[in-house]
Amino acid sequence: MYFLTNTSRLNEQVVDKIVLQLNRVYPQILTNEEAEKFRNPKASLHTRLSDLLKHLQKKGDRHCQEFYRALQINAEQLFNDLPSRKIMKTPDPTEIDTGKEQYMLNDRGK
């Protein structure tokens, strides 16, 4: 949540698209009234996004997964930059780098 709400990573258009997608495709996730609340231009974008994420967290994992699916569709680069996505992309530290090992063997004269 901190990553998304900090330093204006999401703009108003993207947040509106996400809210509309959740409301139209999954009305059980966001009702019309809830969608209006999270699209209210009178509230700051940071507040609306924070409230939306808290609201979805209270509703459960499936609702949060749909938010991230909507984020992926509407802001793919930001989705790929999520800290949780970066952790998933890091190589396995126990995995042997065969290219490096081959170099080390060659360095030993073999």
PDB file of N, CA and C in Angstrom:
ATOM      1  N   MET A   1       0.828  -1.187   0.000  1.00  0.00           N
ATOM      2  CA  MET A   1       0.000   0.000   0.000  1.00  0.00           C
ATOM      3  C   MET A   1       0.874   1.253   0.000  1.00  0.00           C
ATOM      4  N   TYR A   2       1.925   1.245   0.810  1.00  0.00           N
ATOM      5  CA  TYR A   2       2.794   2.414   0.901  1.00  0.00           C
ATOM      6  C   TYR A   2       3.415   2.729  -0.461  1.00  0.00           C
ATOM      7  N   PHE A   3       3.838   1.696  -1.174  1.00  0.00           N
ATOM      8  CA  PHE A   3       4.456   1.884  -2.486  1.00  0.00           C
ATOM      9  C   PHE A   3       3.514   2.606  -3.451  1.00  0.00           C
ATOM     10  N   LEU A   4       2.249   2.216  -3.447  1.00  0.00           N
ATOM     11  CA  LEU A   4       1.280   2.796  -4.379  1.00  0.00           C
ATOM     12  C   LEU A   4       0.843   4.196  -3.979  1.00  0.00           C
ATOM     13  N   THR A   5       0.767   4.464  -2.684  1.00  0.00           N
ATOM     14  CA  THR A   5       0.268   5.763  -2.238  1.00  0.00           C
ATOM     15  C   THR A   5       1.387   6.798  -2.094  1.00  0.00           C
ATOM     16  N   ASN A   6       2.621   6.382  -2.110  1.00  0.00           N
ATOM     17  CA  ASN A   6       3.740   7.292  -1.924  1.00  0.00           C
ATOM     18  C   ASN A   6       4.220   7.857  -3.262  1.00  0.00           C
ATOM     19  N   THR A   7       4.638   9.073  -3.275  1.00  0.00           N
ATOM     20  CA  THR A   7       5.251   9.783  -4.400  1.00  0.00           C
ATOM     21  C   THR A   7       4.438   9.732  -5.699  1.00  0.00           C
ATOM     22  N   SER A   8       3.151   9.774  -5.594  1.00  0.00           N
ATOM     23  CA  SER A   8       2.254   9.912  -6.753  1.00  0.00           C
ATOM     24  C   SER A   8       2.572   8.949  -7.892  1.00  0.00           C
ATOM     25  N   ARG A   9       2.695   7.690  -7.570  1.00  0.00           N
ATOM     26  CA  ARG A   9       2.980   6.697  -8.605  1.00  0.00           C
ATOM     27  C   ARG A   9       1.777   6.500  -9.527  1.00  0.00           C
ATOM     28  N   LEU A  10       0.590   6.639  -8.970  1.00  0.00           N
ATOM     29  CA  LEU A  10      -0.633   6.482  -9.761  1.00  0.00           C
ATOM     30  C   LEU A  10      -1.258   7.848  -9.996  1.00  0.00           C
ATOM     31  N   ASN A  11      -1.713   8.081 -11.201  1.00  0.00           N
ATOM     32  CA  ASN A  11      -2.404   9.335 -11.461  1.00  0.00           C
ATOM     33  C   ASN A  11      -3.913   9.116 -11.359  1.00  0.00           C
ATOM     34  N   GLU A  12      -4.639  10.199 -11.411  1.00  0.00           N
ATOM     35  CA  GLU A  12      -6.090  10.161 -11.214  1.00  0.00           C
ATOM     36  C   GLU A  12      -6.801   9.314 -12.272  1.00  0.00           C
ATOM     37  N   GLN A  13      -6.345   9.399 -13.494  1.00  0.00           N
ATOM     38  CA  GLN A  13      -6.963   8.628 -14.575  1.00  0.00           C
ATOM     39  C   GLN A  13      -6.853   7.130 -14.325  1.00  0.00           C
ATOM     40  N   VAL A  14      -5.687   6.678 -13.921  1.00  0.00           N
ATOM     41  CA  VAL A  14      -5.470   5.245 -13.698  1.00  0.00           C
ATOM     42  C   VAL A  14      -6.305   4.766 -12.522  1.00  0.00           C
ATOM     43  N   VAL A  15      -6.343   5.534 -11.454  1.00  0.00           N
ATOM     44  CA  VAL A  15      -7.156   5.146 -10.295  1.00  0.00           C
ATOM     45  C   VAL A  15      -8.629   5.064 -10.691  1.00  0.00           C
ATOM     46  N   ASP A  16      -9.106   6.019 -11.465  1.00  0.00           N
ATOM     47  CA  ASP A  16     -10.492   5.982 -11.925  1.00  0.00           C
ATOM     48  C   ASP A  16     -10.762   4.745 -12.785  1.00  0.00           C
ATOM     49  N   LYS A  17      -9.830   4.412 -13.660  1.00  0.00           N
ATOM     50  CA  LYS A  17      -9.995   3.216 -14.496  1.00  0.00           C
ATOM     51  C   LYS A  17     -10.070   1.953 -13.648  1.00  0.00           C
ATOM     52  N   ILE A  18      -9.229   1.879 -12.633  1.00  0.00           N
ATOM     53  CA  ILE A  18      -9.223   0.708 -11.740  1.00  0.00           C
ATOM     54  C   ILE A  18     -10.548   0.613 -10.996  1.00  0.00           C
ATOM     55  N   VAL A  19     -11.001   1.727 -10.451  1.00  0.00           N
ATOM     56  CA  VAL A  19     -12.272   1.740  -9.716  1.00  0.00           C
ATOM     57  C   VAL A  19     -13.418   1.345 -10.641  1.00  0.00           C
ATOM     58  N   LEU A  20     -13.447   1.908 -11.840  1.00  0.00           N
ATOM     59  CA  LEU A  20     -14.513   1.570 -12.787  1.00  0.00           C
ATOM     60  C   LEU A  20     -14.461   0.104 -13.196  1.00  0.00           C
ATOM     61  N   GLN A  21     -13.271  -0.418 -13.393  1.00  0.00           N
ATOM     62  CA  GLN A  21     -13.149  -1.832 -13.750  1.00  0.00           C
ATOM     63  C   GLN A  21     -13.678  -2.721 -12.624  1.00  0.00           C
ATOM     64  N   LEU A  22     -13.297  -2.400 -11.393  1.00  0.00           N
ATOM     65  CA  LEU A  22     -13.779  -3.196 -10.263  1.00  0.00           C
ATOM     66  C   LEU A  22     -15.293  -3.088 -10.117  1.00  0.00           C
ATOM     67  N   ASN A  23     -15.830  -1.917 -10.397  1.00  0.00           N
ATOM     68  CA  ASN A  23     -17.268  -1.700 -10.267  1.00  0.00           C
ATOM     69  C   ASN A  23     -18.050  -2.361 -11.404  1.00  0.00           C
ATOM     70  N   ARG A  24     -17.581  -2.251 -12.607  1.00  0.00           N
ATOM     71  CA  ARG A  24     -18.335  -2.771 -13.754  1.00  0.00           C
ATOM     72  C   ARG A  24     -18.157  -4.270 -13.951  1.00  0.00           C
ATOM     73  N   VAL A  25     -16.937  -4.735 -13.814  1.00  0.00           N
ATOM     74  CA  VAL A  25     -16.673  -6.157 -14.038  1.00  0.00           C
ATOM     75  C   VAL A  25     -17.027  -6.983 -12.810  1.00  0.00           C
ATOM     76  N   TYR A  26     -16.774  -6.438 -11.644  1.00  0.00           N
ATOM     77  CA  TYR A  26     -17.025  -7.147 -10.386  1.00  0.00           C
ATOM     78  C   TYR A  26     -17.842  -6.270  -9.443  1.00  0.00           C
ATOM     79  N   PRO A  27     -19.128  -6.084  -9.730  1.00  0.00           N
ATOM     80  CA  PRO A  27     -19.933  -5.213  -8.853  1.00  0.00           C
ATOM     81  C   PRO A  27     -20.039  -5.745  -7.427  1.00  0.00           C
ATOM     82  N   GLN A  28     -19.754  -7.015  -7.220  1.00  0.00           N
ATOM     83  CA  GLN A  28     -19.749  -7.540  -5.854  1.00  0.00           C
ATOM     84  C   GLN A  28     -18.516  -7.059  -5.078  1.00  0.00           C
ATOM     85  N   ILE A  29     -17.512  -6.588  -5.782  1.00  0.00           N
ATOM     86  CA  ILE A  29     -16.320  -6.048  -5.127  1.00  0.00           C
ATOM     87  C   ILE A  29     -16.524  -4.581  -4.784  1.00  0.00           C
ATOM     88  N   LEU A  30     -17.007  -3.812  -5.758  1.00  0.00           N
ATOM     89  CA  LEU A  30     -17.285  -2.394  -5.520  1.00  0.00           C
ATOM     90  C   LEU A  30     -18.680  -2.070  -6.031  1.00  0.00           C
ATOM     91  N   THR A  31     -19.550  -1.682  -5.131  1.00  0.00           N
ATOM     92  CA  THR A  31     -20.897  -1.265  -5.527  1.00  0.00           C
ATOM     93  C   THR A  31     -20.828   0.100  -6.188  1.00  0.00           C
ATOM     94  N   ASN A  32     -21.924   0.532  -6.760  1.00  0.00           N
ATOM     95  CA  ASN A  32     -21.968   1.858  -7.379  1.00  0.00           C
ATOM     96  C   ASN A  32     -21.646   2.959  -6.371  1.00  0.00           C
ATOM     97  N   GLU A  33     -22.201   2.835  -5.163  1.00  0.00           N
ATOM     98  CA  GLU A  33     -21.969   3.847  -4.122  1.00  0.00           C
ATOM     99  C   GLU A  33     -20.495   3.894  -3.719  1.00  0.00           C
ATOM    100  N   GLU A  34     -19.900   2.710  -3.569  1.00  0.00           N
ATOM    101  CA  GLU A  34     -18.489   2.654  -3.191  1.00  0.00           C
ATOM    102  C   GLU A  34     -17.612   3.231  -4.309  1.00  0.00           C
ATOM    103  N   ALA A  35     -17.941   2.916  -5.552  1.00  0.00           N
ATOM    104  CA  ALA A  35     -17.177   3.431  -6.687  1.00  0.00           C
ATOM    105  C   ALA A  35     -17.248   4.952  -6.726  1.00  0.00           C
ATOM    106  N   GLU A  36     -18.424   5.507  -6.490  1.00  0.00           N
ATOM    107  CA  GLU A  36     -18.577   6.970  -6.461  1.00  0.00           C
ATOM    108  C   GLU A  36     -17.691   7.587  -5.379  1.00  0.00           C
ATOM    109  N   LYS A  37     -17.653   6.938  -4.231  1.00  0.00           N
ATOM    110  CA  LYS A  37     -16.844   7.431  -3.110  1.00  0.00           C
ATOM    111  C   LYS A  37     -15.360   7.471  -3.494  1.00  0.00           C
ATOM    112  N   PHE A  38     -14.876   6.413  -4.157  1.00  0.00           N
ATOM    113  CA  PHE A  38     -13.452   6.339  -4.486  1.00  0.00           C
ATOM    114  C   PHE A  38     -13.092   7.125  -5.747  1.00  0.00           C
ATOM    115  N   ARG A  39     -14.088   7.651  -6.436  1.00  0.00           N
ATOM    116  CA  ARG A  39     -13.849   8.501  -7.608  1.00  0.00           C
ATOM    117  C   ARG A  39     -14.148   9.967  -7.312  1.00  0.00           C
ATOM    118  N   ASN A  40     -14.466  10.297  -6.098  1.00  0.00           N
ATOM    119  CA  ASN A  40     -14.835  11.661  -5.712  1.00  0.00           C
ATOM    120  C   ASN A  40     -13.659  12.612  -5.911  1.00  0.00           C
ATOM    121  N   PRO A  41     -13.764  13.545  -6.848  1.00  0.00           N
ATOM    122  CA  PRO A  41     -12.639  14.461  -7.109  1.00  0.00           C
ATOM    123  C   PRO A  41     -12.396  15.471  -5.985  1.00  0.00           C
ATOM    124  N   LYS A  42     -13.343  15.582  -5.046  1.00  0.00           N
ATOM    125  CA  LYS A  42     -13.157  16.515  -3.930  1.00  0.00           C
ATOM    126  C   LYS A  42     -12.113  16.005  -2.933  1.00  0.00           C
ATOM    127  N   ALA A  43     -11.964  14.683  -2.849  1.00  0.00           N
ATOM    128  CA  ALA A  43     -10.967  14.090  -1.953  1.00  0.00           C
ATOM    129  C   ALA A  43      -9.639  13.978  -2.700  1.00  0.00           C
ATOM    130  N   SER A  44      -8.543  14.038  -1.972  1.00  0.00           N
ATOM    131  CA  SER A  44      -7.233  13.921  -2.620  1.00  0.00           C
ATOM    132  C   SER A  44      -7.045  12.505  -3.158  1.00  0.00           C
ATOM    133  N   LEU A  45      -6.248  12.401  -4.188  1.00  0.00           N
ATOM    134  CA  LEU A  45      -5.977  11.100  -4.804  1.00  0.00           C
ATOM    135  C   LEU A  45      -5.359  10.143  -3.794  1.00  0.00           C
ATOM    136  N   HIS A  46      -4.444  10.652  -2.987  1.00  0.00           N
ATOM    137  CA  HIS A  46      -3.794   9.830  -1.966  1.00  0.00           C
ATOM    138  C   HIS A  46      -4.826   9.256  -1.001  1.00  0.00           C
ATOM    139  N   THR A  47      -5.750  10.083  -0.552  1.00  0.00           N
ATOM    140  CA  THR A  47      -6.789   9.643   0.383  1.00  0.00           C
ATOM    141  C   THR A  47      -7.697   8.601  -0.261  1.00  0.00           C
ATOM    142  N   ARG A  48      -8.123   8.871  -1.487  1.00  0.00           N
ATOM    143  CA  ARG A  48      -9.013   7.935  -2.177  1.00  0.00           C
ATOM    144  C   ARG A  48      -8.344   6.583  -2.383  1.00  0.00           C
ATOM    145  N   LEU A  49      -7.075   6.603  -2.802  1.00  0.00           N
ATOM    146  CA  LEU A  49      -6.359   5.354  -3.032  1.00  0.00           C
ATOM    147  C   LEU A  49      -6.131   4.601  -1.729  1.00  0.00           C
ATOM    148  N   SER A  50      -5.744   5.309  -0.688  1.00  0.00           N
ATOM    149  CA  SER A  50      -5.549   4.675   0.624  1.00  0.00           C
ATOM    150  C   SER A  50      -6.848   4.050   1.122  1.00  0.00           C
ATOM    151  N   ASP A  51      -7.946   4.797   1.016  1.00  0.00           N
ATOM    152  CA  ASP A  51      -9.252   4.289   1.454  1.00  0.00           C
ATOM    153  C   ASP A  51      -9.691   3.086   0.632  1.00  0.00           C
ATOM    154  N   LEU A  52      -9.433   3.120  -0.674  1.00  0.00           N
ATOM    155  CA  LEU A  52      -9.787   1.998  -1.538  1.00  0.00           C
ATOM    156  C   LEU A  52      -9.022   0.742  -1.136  1.00  0.00           C
ATOM    157  N   LEU A  53      -7.733   0.888  -0.926  1.00  0.00           N
ATOM    158  CA  LEU A  53      -6.924  -0.274  -0.552  1.00  0.00           C
ATOM    159  C   LEU A  53      -7.335  -0.834   0.811  1.00  0.00           C
ATOM    160  N   LYS A  54      -7.607   0.036   1.765  1.00  0.00           N
ATOM    161  CA  LYS A  54      -8.071  -0.430   3.085  1.00  0.00           C
ATOM    162  C   LYS A  54      -9.411  -1.142   2.957  1.00  0.00           C
ATOM    163  N   HIS A  55     -10.298  -0.583   2.153  1.00  0.00           N
ATOM    164  CA  HIS A  55     -11.617  -1.162   1.930  1.00  0.00           C
ATOM    165  C   HIS A  55     -11.491  -2.573   1.340  1.00  0.00           C
ATOM    166  N   LEU A  56     -10.641  -2.729   0.350  1.00  0.00           N
ATOM    167  CA  LEU A  56     -10.462  -4.031  -0.296  1.00  0.00           C
ATOM    168  C   LEU A  56      -9.796  -5.028   0.640  1.00  0.00           C
ATOM    169  N   GLN A  57      -8.853  -4.555   1.453  1.00  0.00           N
ATOM    170  CA  GLN A  57      -8.200  -5.449   2.418  1.00  0.00           C
ATOM    171  C   GLN A  57      -9.200  -6.008   3.412  1.00  0.00           C
ATOM    172  N   LYS A  58     -10.158  -5.185   3.830  1.00  0.00           N
ATOM    173  CA  LYS A  58     -11.186  -5.646   4.767  1.00  0.00           C
ATOM    174  C   LYS A  58     -12.079  -6.710   4.141  1.00  0.00           C
ATOM    175  N   LYS A  59     -12.310  -6.587   2.832  1.00  0.00           N
ATOM    176  CA  LYS A  59     -13.193  -7.529   2.142  1.00  0.00           C
ATOM    177  C   LYS A  59     -12.531  -8.874   1.868  1.00  0.00           C
ATOM    178  N   GLY A  60     -11.197  -8.927   1.826  1.00  0.00           N
ATOM    179  CA  GLY A  60     -10.525 -10.211   1.664  1.00  0.00           C
ATOM    180  C   GLY A  60      -9.548 -10.274   0.508  1.00  0.00           C
ATOM    181  N   ASP A  61      -8.878 -11.425   0.423  1.00  0.00           N
ATOM    182  CA  ASP A  61      -7.814 -11.625  -0.551  1.00  0.00           C
ATOM    183  C   ASP A  61      -8.292 -11.542  -1.994  1.00  0.00           C
ATOM    184  N   ARG A  62      -9.441 -12.118  -2.278  1.00  0.00           N
ATOM    185  CA  ARG A  62      -9.932 -12.124  -3.658  1.00  0.00           C
ATOM    186  C   ARG A  62     -10.137 -10.704  -4.176  1.00  0.00           C
ATOM    187  N   HIS A  63     -10.653  -9.858  -3.321  1.00  0.00           N
ATOM    188  CA  HIS A  63     -10.881  -8.465  -3.716  1.00  0.00           C
ATOM    189  C   HIS A  63      -9.548  -7.755  -3.993  1.00  0.00           C
ATOM    190  N   CYS A  64      -8.564  -8.036  -3.168  1.00  0.00           N
ATOM    191  CA  CYS A  64      -7.237  -7.444  -3.377  1.00  0.00           C
ATOM    192  C   CYS A  64      -6.605  -7.977  -4.662  1.00  0.00           C
ATOM    193  N   GLN A  65      -6.786  -9.267  -4.925  1.00  0.00           N
ATOM    194  CA  GLN A  65      -6.252  -9.847  -6.160  1.00  0.00           C
ATOM    195  C   GLN A  65      -6.857  -9.181  -7.393  1.00  0.00           C
ATOM    196  N   GLU A  66      -8.140  -8.899  -7.330  1.00  0.00           N
ATOM    197  CA  GLU A  66      -8.793  -8.231  -8.461  1.00  0.00           C
ATOM    198  C   GLU A  66      -8.269  -6.805  -8.632  1.00  0.00           C
ATOM    199  N   PHE A  67      -7.953  -6.137  -7.521  1.00  0.00           N
ATOM    200  CA  PHE A  67      -7.345  -4.815  -7.619  1.00  0.00           C
ATOM    201  C   PHE A  67      -6.012  -4.905  -8.355  1.00  0.00           C
ATOM    202  N   TYR A  68      -5.185  -5.874  -7.975  1.00  0.00           N
ATOM    203  CA  TYR A  68      -3.884  -6.005  -8.617  1.00  0.00           C
ATOM    204  C   TYR A  68      -4.007  -6.439 -10.076  1.00  0.00           C
ATOM    205  N   ARG A  69      -5.027  -7.210 -10.389  1.00  0.00           N
ATOM    206  CA  ARG A  69      -5.274  -7.557 -11.786  1.00  0.00           C
ATOM    207  C   ARG A  69      -5.641  -6.292 -12.571  1.00  0.00           C
ATOM    208  N   ALA A  70      -6.487  -5.458 -11.985  1.00  0.00           N
ATOM    209  CA  ALA A  70      -6.858  -4.195 -12.636  1.00  0.00           C
ATOM    210  C   ALA A  70      -5.645  -3.275 -12.753  1.00  0.00           C
ATOM    211  N   LEU A  71      -4.783  -3.275 -11.750  1.00  0.00           N
ATOM    212  CA  LEU A  71      -3.562  -2.474 -11.803  1.00  0.00           C
ATOM    213  C   LEU A  71      -2.665  -2.967 -12.927  1.00  0.00           C
ATOM    214  N   GLN A  72      -2.553  -4.263 -13.077  1.00  0.00           N
ATOM    215  CA  GLN A  72      -1.728  -4.834 -14.140  1.00  0.00           C
ATOM    216  C   GLN A  72      -2.261  -4.435 -15.522  1.00  0.00           C
ATOM    217  N   ILE A  73      -3.565  -4.460 -15.687  1.00  0.00           N
ATOM    218  CA  ILE A  73      -4.175  -4.113 -16.968  1.00  0.00           C
ATOM    219  C   ILE A  73      -4.008  -2.628 -17.284  1.00  0.00           C
ATOM    220  N   ASN A  74      -4.174  -1.773 -16.276  1.00  0.00           N
ATOM    221  CA  ASN A  74      -4.195  -0.323 -16.499  1.00  0.00           C
ATOM    222  C   ASN A  74      -2.863   0.383 -16.279  1.00  0.00           C
ATOM    223  N   ALA A  75      -1.944  -0.248 -15.581  1.00  0.00           N
ATOM    224  CA  ALA A  75      -0.628   0.365 -15.320  1.00  0.00           C
ATOM    225  C   ALA A  75       0.412  -0.753 -15.202  1.00  0.00           C
ATOM    226  N   GLU A  76       0.669  -1.398 -16.320  1.00  0.00           N
ATOM    227  CA  GLU A  76       1.530  -2.585 -16.313  1.00  0.00           C
ATOM    228  C   GLU A  76       2.937  -2.304 -15.782  1.00  0.00           C
ATOM    229  N   GLN A  77       3.533  -1.192 -16.173  1.00  0.00           N
ATOM    230  CA  GLN A  77       4.889  -0.894 -15.712  1.00  0.00           C
ATOM    231  C   GLN A  77       4.929  -0.722 -14.196  1.00  0.00           C
ATOM    232  N   LEU A  78       3.954  -0.021 -13.653  1.00  0.00           N
ATOM    233  CA  LEU A  78       3.883   0.149 -12.206  1.00  0.00           C
ATOM    234  C   LEU A  78       3.671  -1.201 -11.525  1.00  0.00           C
ATOM    235  N   PHE A  79       2.804  -2.027 -12.087  1.00  0.00           N
ATOM    236  CA  PHE A  79       2.566  -3.365 -11.549  1.00  0.00           C
ATOM    237  C   PHE A  79       3.874  -4.153 -11.510  1.00  0.00           C
ATOM    238  N   ASN A  80       4.651  -4.076 -12.581  1.00  0.00           N
ATOM    239  CA  ASN A  80       5.919  -4.803 -12.635  1.00  0.00           C
ATOM    240  C   ASN A  80       6.951  -4.245 -11.666  1.00  0.00           C
ATOM    241  N   ASP A  81       6.804  -2.977 -11.287  1.00  0.00           N
ATOM    242  CA  ASP A  81       7.734  -2.352 -10.344  1.00  0.00           C
ATOM    243  C   ASP A  81       7.362  -2.564  -8.881  1.00  0.00           C
ATOM    244  N   LEU A  82       6.227  -3.203  -8.621  1.00  0.00           N
ATOM    245  CA  LEU A  82       5.828  -3.449  -7.234  1.00  0.00           C
ATOM    246  C   LEU A  82       6.924  -4.217  -6.503  1.00  0.00           C
ATOM    247  N   PRO A  83       7.202  -3.864  -5.263  1.00  0.00           N
ATOM    248  CA  PRO A  83       8.232  -4.577  -4.502  1.00  0.00           C
ATOM    249  C   PRO A  83       7.982  -6.088  -4.447  1.00  0.00           C
ATOM    250  N   SER A  84       6.739  -6.501  -4.335  1.00  0.00           N
ATOM    251  CA  SER A  84       6.446  -7.938  -4.281  1.00  0.00           C
ATOM    252  C   SER A  84       6.768  -8.615  -5.603  1.00  0.00           C
ATOM    253  N   ARG A  85       6.639  -7.921  -6.716  1.00  0.00           N
ATOM    254  CA  ARG A  85       6.988  -8.480  -8.025  1.00  0.00           C
ATOM    255  C   ARG A  85       8.503  -8.567  -8.180  1.00  0.00           C
ATOM    256  N   LYS A  86       9.210  -7.606  -7.640  1.00  0.00           N
ATOM    257  CA  LYS A  86      10.675  -7.619  -7.726  1.00  0.00           C
ATOM    258  C   LYS A  86      11.249  -8.796  -6.943  1.00  0.00           C
ATOM    259  N   ILE A  87      10.663  -9.086  -5.792  1.00  0.00           N
ATOM    260  CA  ILE A  87      11.122 -10.207  -4.977  1.00  0.00           C
ATOM    261  C   ILE A  87      10.939 -11.503  -5.745  1.00  0.00           C
ATOM    262  N   MET A  88       9.805 -11.629  -6.445  1.00  0.00           N
ATOM    263  CA  MET A  88       9.529 -12.841  -7.200  1.00  0.00           C
ATOM    264  C   MET A  88      10.496 -13.016  -8.366  1.00  0.00           C
ATOM    265  N   LYS A  89      11.049 -11.924  -8.882  1.00  0.00           N
ATOM    266  CA  LYS A  89      11.921 -11.983 -10.041  1.00  0.00           C
ATOM    267  C   LYS A  89      13.383 -12.223  -9.680  1.00  0.00           C
ATOM    268  N   THR A  90      13.753 -12.124  -8.408  1.00  0.00           N
ATOM    269  CA  THR A  90      15.148 -12.304  -8.037  1.00  0.00           C
ATOM    270  C   THR A  90      15.524 -13.767  -8.202  1.00  0.00           C
ATOM    271  N   PRO A  91      16.720 -14.022  -8.675  1.00  0.00           N
ATOM    272  CA  PRO A  91      17.133 -15.402  -8.889  1.00  0.00           C
ATOM    273  C   PRO A  91      17.306 -16.150  -7.570  1.00  0.00           C
ATOM    274  N   ASP A  92      17.194 -17.447  -7.654  1.00  0.00           N
ATOM    275  CA  ASP A  92      17.350 -18.310  -6.497  1.00  0.00           C
ATOM    276  C   ASP A  92      18.819 -18.281  -6.074  1.00  0.00           C
ATOM    277  N   PRO A  93      19.123 -17.871  -4.824  1.00  0.00           N
ATOM    278  CA  PRO A  93      20.524 -17.766  -4.408  1.00  0.00           C
ATOM    279  C   PRO A  93      21.217 -19.130  -4.322  1.00  0.00           C
ATOM    280  N   THR A  94      20.458 -20.204  -4.263  1.00  0.00           N
ATOM    281  CA  THR A  94      21.063 -21.536  -4.193  1.00  0.00           C
ATOM    282  C   THR A  94      21.333 -22.106  -5.575  1.00  0.00           C
ATOM    283  N   GLU A  95      20.818 -21.434  -6.594  1.00  0.00           N
ATOM    284  CA  GLU A  95      21.002 -21.910  -7.956  1.00  0.00           C
ATOM    285  C   GLU A  95      22.440 -21.660  -8.399  1.00  0.00           C
ATOM    286  N   ILE A  96      23.022 -22.626  -9.077  1.00  0.00           N
ATOM    287  CA  ILE A  96      24.400 -22.514  -9.533  1.00  0.00           C
ATOM    288  C   ILE A  96      24.411 -21.845 -10.897  1.00  0.00           C
ATOM    289  N   ASP A  97      25.240 -20.853 -11.026  1.00  0.00           N
ATOM    290  CA  ASP A  97      25.415 -20.178 -12.307  1.00  0.00           C
ATOM    291  C   ASP A  97      26.446 -20.982 -13.088  1.00  0.00           C
ATOM    292  N   THR A  98      25.962 -21.776 -14.032  1.00  0.00           N
ATOM    293  CA  THR A  98      26.854 -22.680 -14.755  1.00  0.00           C
ATOM    294  C   THR A  98      27.894 -21.920 -15.565  1.00  0.00           C
ATOM    295  N   GLY A  99      27.566 -20.772 -16.079  1.00  0.00           N
ATOM    296  CA  GLY A  99      28.527 -19.969 -16.824  1.00  0.00           C
ATOM    297  C   GLY A  99      29.680 -19.532 -15.940  1.00  0.00           C
ATOM    298  N   LYS A 100      29.375 -19.132 -14.732  1.00  0.00           N
ATOM    299  CA  LYS A 100      30.403 -18.707 -13.787  1.00  0.00           C
ATOM    300  C   LYS A 100      31.240 -19.898 -13.353  1.00  0.00           C
ATOM    301  N   GLU A 101      30.587 -21.017 -13.088  1.00  0.00           N
ATOM    302  CA  GLU A 101      31.293 -22.219 -12.664  1.00  0.00           C
ATOM    303  C   GLU A 101      32.237 -22.677 -13.769  1.00  0.00           C
ATOM    304  N   GLN A 102      31.809 -22.631 -15.008  1.00  0.00           N
ATOM    305  CA  GLN A 102      32.635 -23.018 -16.131  1.00  0.00           C
ATOM    306  C   GLN A 102      33.858 -22.099 -16.212  1.00  0.00           C
ATOM    307  N   TYR A 103      33.644 -20.829 -15.983  1.00  0.00           N
ATOM    308  CA  TYR A 103      34.737 -19.873 -16.003  1.00  0.00           C
ATOM    309  C   TYR A 103      35.727 -20.187 -14.901  1.00  0.00           C
ATOM    310  N   MET A 104      35.204 -20.539 -13.729  1.00  0.00           N
ATOM    311  CA  MET A 104      36.076 -20.859 -12.609  1.00  0.00           C
ATOM    312  C   MET A 104      36.893 -22.106 -12.909  1.00  0.00           C
ATOM    313  N   LEU A 105      36.293 -23.101 -13.548  1.00  0.00           N
ATOM    314  CA  LEU A 105      37.029 -24.305 -13.892  1.00  0.00           C
ATOM    315  C   LEU A 105      38.115 -23.976 -14.921  1.00  0.00           C
ATOM    316  N   ASN A 106      37.791 -23.154 -15.898  1.00  0.00           N
ATOM    317  CA  ASN A 106      38.769 -22.760 -16.886  1.00  0.00           C
ATOM    318  C   ASN A 106      39.907 -21.969 -16.248  1.00  0.00           C
ATOM    319  N   ASP A 107      39.587 -21.187 -15.248  1.00  0.00           N
ATOM    320  CA  ASP A 107      40.580 -20.384 -14.559  1.00  0.00           C
ATOM    321  C   ASP A 107      41.572 -21.271 -13.802  1.00  0.00           C
ATOM    322  N   ARG A 108      41.139 -22.480 -13.456  1.00  0.00           N
ATOM    323  CA  ARG A 108      42.010 -23.422 -12.741  1.00  0.00           C
ATOM    324  C   ARG A 108      42.869 -24.245 -13.715  1.00  0.00           C
ATOM    325  N   GLY A 109      42.684 -23.965 -14.982  1.00  0.00           N
ATOM    326  CA  GLY A 109      43.490 -24.654 -15.973  1.00  0.00           C
ATOM    327  C   GLY A 109      42.855 -25.929 -16.485  1.00  0.00           C
ATOM    328  N   LYS A 110      41.573 -26.100 -16.247  1.00  0.00           N
ATOM    329  CA  LYS A 110      40.897 -27.324 -16.730  1.00  0.00           C
ATOM    330  C   LYS A 110      40.017 -27.022 -17.878  1.00  0.00           C
TER     331      LYS A 110
END
